[in-house]
Amino acid sequence: MTTMMDINDFAPRSGDAQRAPRAPVYRSEISEHFQGDFPIFVNRWEEGFALKEHDHAYLEIVYVMSGEGFHYVGDRIERTNKGCLYLLPVGTSHMLRPKDASAGRKLVVYNLCIRPAFVKTINGWLAPYATSGDAHALFDGLHASYLSLKDRGMRLGQLFERLHREYTARRLGYEASLFAGVMELTVELARLLQEDAVHGYDAKPADSGRIEMAAIFAYIDLHAAEPLTVDDLASQAGMSNRHFIRKFQAYAGVTFSAYVQLRRIESACRLLLESEHKVSSIAMMTGYRDLAYFRQVFRSRMGMSPSEYRKGSPGALKKRPPH
């Protein structure tokens, strides 16, 4: 029997372990990325662990070109891989994380960002001629909502590549080419919706299993620096260890241990970039009592030592990418 629950159903853990603080949601403003009055920004970005949870003052469309990992949207988490597309209205907080730092499985995305005023312009262009409501209303998302699509045939990949090429090369007429590309994308997204390839969680209620696992993941995220065991979480979730392990891996795509390590290393990356704590202190704050083991896990995940990451991370705090 499946039991509905939320994070408050899990008992608080005792102990005096110092926990890494939860990062506030960052607001990405229009001035950070858009040039002049031009209403479109496009980039290609390799996701890592330095970028914080953030929302935007503009519409963002994210297309996963390669790799796999996790997408955190508000209080939800879902697996992501190539062909996943996310339409994120103004005010929707999210972040993407790679499954690991392996060179062969990099999580690479295209980000298409559109000024809110231009969204109204697009709607104005399409509304008088659209044969269905989906096309011209596609970008009208509510604050803190989002739309998730799966492009199983990767047919949008070439379109995003073309948009990125036009934006970066800026050849004669690139503005009109970008506008035409956005119109084409609008049509393709409406067709994907028509093909029932959508699973927009704000459009329909989540099933009880998804709510149950979301509570478990939220609990892990808050308590990752503390000792966490399958025995404890399975017991608190009312599952057998075997059922918990099977369900966890089916939902996350990685083992329980690997996911906890992922969240700890993510916190460590943030503290290395945003604080002056010693590496040994950061190890303790993120749940590692053995400094040598922390360094070993960090190197296996990130391909470098914590000190190298702190010294060599490319400008993560100086200028943020839009995603």
Protein backbone atom coordinates (compact mmCIF):
# COMPACT_ATOMS: atom_id res chain seq x y z
CA MET A 1 0.00 0.00 0.00
CA THR A 2 1.40 3.43 -1.00
CA THR A 3 1.25 6.21 1.59
CA MET A 4 1.16 9.89 0.66
CA MET A 5 3.67 11.97 2.60
CA ASP A 6 5.65 15.17 2.60
CA ILE A 7 8.99 16.16 4.08
CA ASN A 8 7.42 16.92 7.48
CA ASP A 9 6.54 13.24 7.86
CA PHE A 10 10.23 12.45 8.38
CA ALA A 11 11.45 12.76 11.93
CA PRO A 12 14.24 15.32 12.55
CA ARG A 13 17.65 13.84 13.13
CA SER A 14 19.59 14.48 16.32
CA GLY A 15 23.24 15.39 16.57
CA ASP A 16 25.40 18.49 16.48
CA ALA A 17 26.92 18.11 13.01
CA GLN A 18 27.49 21.45 11.31
CA ARG A 19 25.45 21.55 8.12
CA ALA A 20 26.25 23.45 4.95
CA PRO A 21 23.71 26.30 4.63
CA ARG A 22 21.07 26.10 1.90
CA ALA A 23 21.80 28.60 -0.86
CA PRO A 24 19.19 31.30 -1.54
CA VAL A 25 17.48 31.39 -4.93
CA TYR A 26 19.33 33.76 -7.25
CA ARG A 27 17.43 36.08 -9.63
CA SER A 28 18.92 36.21 -13.12
CA GLU A 29 18.12 39.65 -14.51
CA ILE A 30 17.63 40.68 -18.12
CA SER A 31 20.69 42.95 -18.01
CA GLU A 32 23.01 39.99 -17.39
CA HIS A 33 22.56 38.36 -20.78
CA PHE A 34 20.56 40.38 -23.29
CA GLN A 35 22.45 42.81 -25.49
CA GLY A 36 20.83 46.18 -26.02
CA ASP A 37 17.14 45.94 -26.81
CA PHE A 38 17.40 42.70 -28.76
CA PRO A 39 14.77 40.35 -27.28
CA ILE A 40 16.55 36.98 -27.68
CA PHE A 41 19.61 35.40 -26.08
CA VAL A 42 20.99 31.94 -26.95
CA ASN A 43 23.90 29.99 -25.52
CA ARG A 44 25.25 26.46 -25.24
CA TRP A 45 26.28 25.46 -21.73
CA GLU A 46 27.89 22.50 -20.00
CA GLU A 47 26.18 21.99 -16.65
CA GLY A 48 28.29 21.54 -13.53
CA PHE A 49 27.94 21.94 -9.79
CA ALA A 50 28.79 25.62 -9.26
CA LEU A 51 25.60 27.25 -10.51
CA LYS A 52 23.03 27.93 -7.79
CA GLU A 53 19.30 27.41 -7.85
CA HIS A 54 17.94 30.44 -9.68
CA ASP A 55 14.94 31.97 -11.36
CA HIS A 56 14.71 34.42 -14.25
CA ALA A 57 13.25 37.79 -15.15
CA TYR A 58 12.64 36.35 -18.63
CA LEU A 59 11.24 33.24 -20.29
CA GLU A 60 13.81 30.45 -20.64
CA ILE A 61 13.62 27.38 -22.84
CA VAL A 62 16.20 24.72 -21.99
CA TYR A 63 16.99 21.87 -24.38
CA VAL A 64 19.22 19.00 -23.24
CA MET A 65 21.52 18.12 -26.12
CA SER A 66 23.56 15.38 -24.47
CA GLY A 67 24.28 13.66 -21.17
CA GLU A 68 22.08 12.89 -18.22
CA GLY A 69 21.47 14.20 -14.73
CA PHE A 70 18.82 15.78 -12.52
CA HIS A 71 16.53 18.77 -12.92
CA TYR A 72 15.40 20.53 -9.75
CA VAL A 73 12.33 22.72 -10.31
CA GLY A 74 10.95 24.40 -7.22
CA ASP A 75 10.41 21.54 -4.76
CA ARG A 76 10.47 18.83 -7.44
CA ILE A 77 13.25 16.70 -8.85
CA GLU A 78 13.29 14.64 -12.02
CA ARG A 79 15.79 12.78 -14.12
CA THR A 80 16.87 14.48 -17.32
CA ASN A 81 18.68 13.34 -20.46
CA LYS A 82 19.08 14.24 -24.11
CA GLY A 83 15.91 15.39 -25.79
CA CYS A 84 14.33 16.81 -22.63
CA LEU A 85 12.99 20.33 -23.03
CA TYR A 86 11.86 22.69 -20.29
CA LEU A 87 9.83 25.86 -20.77
CA LEU A 88 10.35 28.02 -17.67
CA PRO A 89 8.28 31.20 -17.26
CA VAL A 90 9.39 34.24 -15.28
CA GLY A 91 9.85 33.40 -11.60
CA THR A 92 10.24 29.62 -11.84
CA SER A 93 13.28 28.54 -9.80
CA HIS A 94 15.36 25.61 -11.02
CA MET A 95 18.83 24.17 -11.56
CA LEU A 96 20.34 21.30 -13.53
CA ARG A 97 22.99 18.94 -12.22
CA PRO A 98 24.97 16.31 -14.16
CA LYS A 99 24.81 12.72 -13.01
CA ASP A 100 28.57 12.90 -12.51
CA ALA A 101 31.61 14.71 -13.89
CA SER A 102 32.64 12.01 -16.37
CA ALA A 103 33.98 13.54 -19.57
CA GLY A 104 32.01 11.09 -21.68
CA ARG A 105 28.65 11.96 -20.08
CA LYS A 106 28.68 15.75 -19.95
CA LEU A 107 25.28 17.36 -19.48
CA VAL A 108 25.15 19.90 -22.32
CA VAL A 109 22.17 22.18 -22.86
CA TYR A 110 21.01 24.98 -25.11
CA ASN A 111 19.35 27.94 -23.40
CA LEU A 112 16.98 30.11 -25.40
CA CYS A 113 15.95 33.20 -23.42
CA ILE A 114 13.18 35.59 -24.48
CA ARG A 115 12.22 38.96 -23.03
CA PRO A 116 8.67 39.01 -21.58
CA ALA A 117 7.67 41.90 -23.86
CA PHE A 118 8.67 39.89 -26.92
CA VAL A 119 6.57 36.95 -25.73
CA LYS A 120 3.56 39.28 -26.03
CA THR A 121 4.76 40.26 -29.51
CA ILE A 122 4.94 36.60 -30.56
CA ASN A 123 1.44 36.01 -29.27
CA GLY A 124 0.26 39.05 -31.18
CA TRP A 125 1.78 37.72 -34.40
CA LEU A 126 0.24 34.27 -34.06
CA ALA A 127 -3.13 34.84 -32.42
CA PRO A 128 -5.02 36.13 -35.50
CA TYR A 129 -3.89 33.20 -37.65
CA ALA A 130 -3.46 30.22 -35.30
CA THR A 131 -5.84 27.33 -35.96
CA SER A 132 -5.58 26.15 -32.35
CA GLY A 133 -5.01 27.85 -29.04
CA ASP A 134 -1.90 25.86 -28.17
CA ALA A 135 0.51 27.56 -30.56
CA HIS A 136 -0.03 31.21 -29.70
CA ALA A 137 -0.55 30.61 -25.96
CA LEU A 138 2.39 28.24 -25.54
CA PHE A 139 4.66 30.74 -23.77
CA ASP A 140 1.97 32.04 -21.40
CA GLY A 141 3.10 30.24 -18.26
CA LEU A 142 2.09 31.14 -14.73
CA HIS A 143 4.67 32.30 -12.20
CA ALA A 144 6.48 29.29 -10.67
CA SER A 145 4.98 26.85 -13.20
CA TYR A 146 6.84 25.01 -15.95
CA LEU A 147 6.31 22.74 -18.93
CA SER A 148 8.36 19.62 -19.61
CA LEU A 149 8.50 17.92 -23.03
CA LYS A 150 10.40 14.93 -24.37
CA ASP A 151 11.75 15.19 -27.92
CA ARG A 152 12.29 11.47 -28.41
CA GLY A 153 13.49 11.79 -31.99
CA MET A 154 15.85 14.71 -31.17
CA ARG A 155 14.25 16.58 -34.05
CA LEU A 156 14.67 19.91 -32.23
CA GLY A 157 18.43 19.46 -31.84
CA GLN A 158 19.28 20.89 -35.26
CA LEU A 159 16.94 23.82 -34.72
CA PHE A 160 18.63 24.79 -31.44
CA GLU A 161 22.05 24.37 -33.06
CA ARG A 162 20.96 26.71 -35.86
CA LEU A 163 19.60 29.28 -33.41
CA HIS A 164 22.87 29.20 -31.47
CA ARG A 165 24.95 29.50 -34.65
CA GLU A 166 22.91 32.48 -35.87
CA TYR A 167 23.16 34.21 -32.50
CA THR A 168 26.92 33.77 -32.10
CA ALA A 169 27.97 34.38 -35.73
CA ARG A 170 25.69 37.42 -36.19
CA ARG A 171 25.82 37.37 -39.94
CA LEU A 172 23.74 39.71 -42.07
CA GLY A 173 20.05 39.21 -41.26
CA TYR A 174 20.63 37.16 -38.12
CA GLU A 175 17.83 39.00 -36.33
CA ALA A 176 15.20 37.91 -38.84
CA SER A 177 16.65 34.39 -38.88
CA LEU A 178 16.33 34.16 -35.08
CA PHE A 179 12.76 35.43 -35.16
CA ALA A 180 11.92 32.84 -37.82
CA GLY A 181 13.61 30.14 -35.72
CA VAL A 182 11.54 31.03 -32.67
CA MET A 183 8.38 30.84 -34.79
CA GLU A 184 9.44 27.41 -36.07
CA LEU A 185 10.18 26.27 -32.52
CA THR A 186 6.71 27.43 -31.42
CA VAL A 187 5.13 25.23 -34.08
CA GLU A 188 7.28 22.21 -33.22
CA LEU A 189 6.49 22.52 -29.51
CA ALA A 190 2.77 22.74 -30.24
CA ARG A 191 3.06 19.57 -32.33
CA LEU A 192 4.88 17.78 -29.53
CA LEU A 193 2.06 18.76 -27.22
CA GLN A 194 -0.43 17.40 -29.71
CA GLU A 195 1.46 14.12 -29.84
CA ASP A 196 0.98 13.71 -26.09
CA ALA A 197 4.71 13.83 -25.42
CA VAL A 198 4.12 16.26 -22.56
CA HIS A 199 4.21 15.67 -18.82
CA GLY A 200 3.63 19.11 -17.37
CA TYR A 201 3.24 18.50 -13.65
CA ASP A 202 1.35 21.72 -13.05
CA ALA A 203 -1.23 20.73 -15.66
CA LYS A 204 -2.17 17.52 -13.87
CA PRO A 205 -1.69 16.20 -10.33
CA ALA A 206 1.37 14.11 -9.59
CA ASP A 207 0.78 10.48 -8.67
CA SER A 208 1.25 9.41 -5.07
CA GLY A 209 4.50 7.60 -5.82
CA ARG A 210 6.03 10.80 -7.21
CA ILE A 211 4.91 12.80 -4.15
CA GLU A 212 6.32 10.11 -1.86
CA MET A 213 9.74 10.05 -3.54
CA ALA A 214 9.86 13.85 -3.79
CA ALA A 215 9.55 14.01 0.00
CA ILE A 216 12.40 11.53 0.40
CA PHE A 217 14.65 13.50 -1.95
CA ALA A 218 13.79 16.77 -0.22
CA TYR A 219 14.72 15.21 3.11
CA ILE A 220 18.06 13.96 1.74
CA ASP A 221 18.81 17.41 0.29
CA LEU A 222 18.27 19.04 3.69
CA HIS A 223 20.18 16.41 5.69
CA ALA A 224 22.87 15.26 3.26
CA ALA A 225 25.65 16.33 5.65
CA GLU A 226 24.31 14.01 8.35
CA PRO A 227 24.65 10.21 8.56
CA LEU A 228 21.97 8.82 6.24
CA THR A 229 21.22 5.13 5.83
CA VAL A 230 18.83 3.08 3.75
CA ASP A 231 17.61 1.44 6.97
CA ASP A 232 16.54 4.77 8.50
CA LEU A 233 14.89 6.26 5.42
CA ALA A 234 13.15 3.06 4.38
CA SER A 235 11.77 2.70 7.90
CA GLN A 236 10.54 6.30 8.00
CA ALA A 237 8.98 5.90 4.54
CA GLY A 238 7.23 2.69 5.61
CA MET A 239 9.01 0.51 3.05
CA SER A 240 11.20 -2.54 3.19
CA ASN A 241 14.87 -1.91 2.42
CA ARG A 242 14.60 -3.86 -0.81
CA HIS A 243 11.55 -1.93 -2.02
CA PHE A 244 13.13 1.40 -1.02
CA ILE A 245 16.36 0.62 -2.90
CA ARG A 246 14.49 -0.50 -6.02
CA LYS A 247 12.14 2.50 -6.00
CA PHE A 248 14.93 4.99 -5.27
CA GLN A 249 17.09 3.79 -8.13
CA ALA A 250 14.16 3.68 -10.56
CA TYR A 251 13.31 7.29 -9.67
CA ALA A 252 16.84 8.74 -9.53
CA GLY A 253 18.72 6.56 -11.99
CA VAL A 254 21.57 6.16 -9.48
CA THR A 255 22.02 4.30 -6.22
CA PHE A 256 21.14 5.82 -2.85
CA SER A 257 24.83 6.15 -1.94
CA ALA A 258 25.73 7.78 -5.26
CA TYR A 259 22.94 10.34 -4.90
CA VAL A 260 23.98 11.30 -1.36
CA GLN A 261 27.58 11.71 -2.55
CA LEU A 262 26.35 13.86 -5.44
CA ARG A 263 24.51 16.23 -3.10
CA ARG A 264 27.45 16.42 -0.68
CA ILE A 265 29.94 17.21 -3.44
CA GLU A 266 27.56 19.81 -4.86
CA SER A 267 27.48 21.56 -1.46
CA ALA A 268 31.26 21.29 -1.23
CA CYS A 269 31.67 22.92 -4.66
CA ARG A 270 29.47 25.82 -3.62
CA LEU A 271 31.35 26.35 -0.35
CA LEU A 272 34.71 26.17 -2.11
CA LEU A 273 33.65 28.98 -4.44
CA GLU A 274 31.61 31.13 -2.06
CA SER A 275 33.40 30.88 1.28
CA GLU A 276 36.89 31.06 2.75
CA HIS A 277 36.50 27.92 4.86
CA LYS A 278 39.44 25.53 4.85
CA VAL A 279 39.04 22.36 2.83
CA SER A 280 39.05 20.33 6.04
CA SER A 281 36.17 22.43 7.42
CA ILE A 282 34.19 22.06 4.21
CA ALA A 283 34.67 18.31 4.36
CA MET A 284 33.14 18.27 7.85
CA MET A 285 30.31 20.63 6.88
CA THR A 286 29.28 18.40 3.97
CA GLY A 287 29.31 15.13 5.89
CA TYR A 288 32.86 13.80 5.53
CA ARG A 289 34.71 13.01 8.75
CA ASP A 290 37.74 11.63 6.88
CA LEU A 291 39.52 14.35 4.89
CA ALA A 292 41.42 11.87 2.73
CA TYR A 293 38.18 10.13 1.76
CA PHE A 294 36.55 13.49 0.97
CA ARG A 295 39.43 14.36 -1.37
CA GLN A 296 39.18 10.94 -3.00
CA VAL A 297 35.42 11.24 -3.61
CA PHE A 298 35.75 14.84 -4.79
CA ARG A 299 38.44 13.95 -7.32
CA SER A 300 36.47 10.98 -8.63
CA ARG A 301 33.41 13.20 -9.16
CA MET A 302 35.04 16.41 -10.36
CA GLY A 303 38.28 15.22 -11.95
CA MET A 304 40.40 17.45 -9.72
CA SER A 305 41.16 18.07 -6.06
CA PRO A 306 39.10 20.51 -3.93
CA SER A 307 42.00 22.99 -3.89
CA GLU A 308 42.39 22.80 -7.66
CA TYR A 309 38.66 23.35 -8.08
CA ARG A 310 38.76 26.44 -5.84
CA LYS A 311 41.75 27.92 -7.70
CA GLY A 312 40.80 26.98 -11.22
CA SER A 313 37.00 27.24 -11.47
CA PRO A 314 36.37 29.57 -14.43
CA GLY A 315 34.70 32.76 -13.19
CA ALA A 316 31.61 31.15 -11.72
CA LEU A 317 31.01 34.11 -9.40
CA LYS A 318 32.03 36.87 -11.79
CA LYS A 319 29.43 36.31 -14.48
CA ARG A 320 26.61 33.83 -14.34
CA PRO A 321 25.35 31.99 -17.38
CA PRO A 322 21.57 32.15 -17.80
CA HIS A 323 21.30 28.53 -16.81
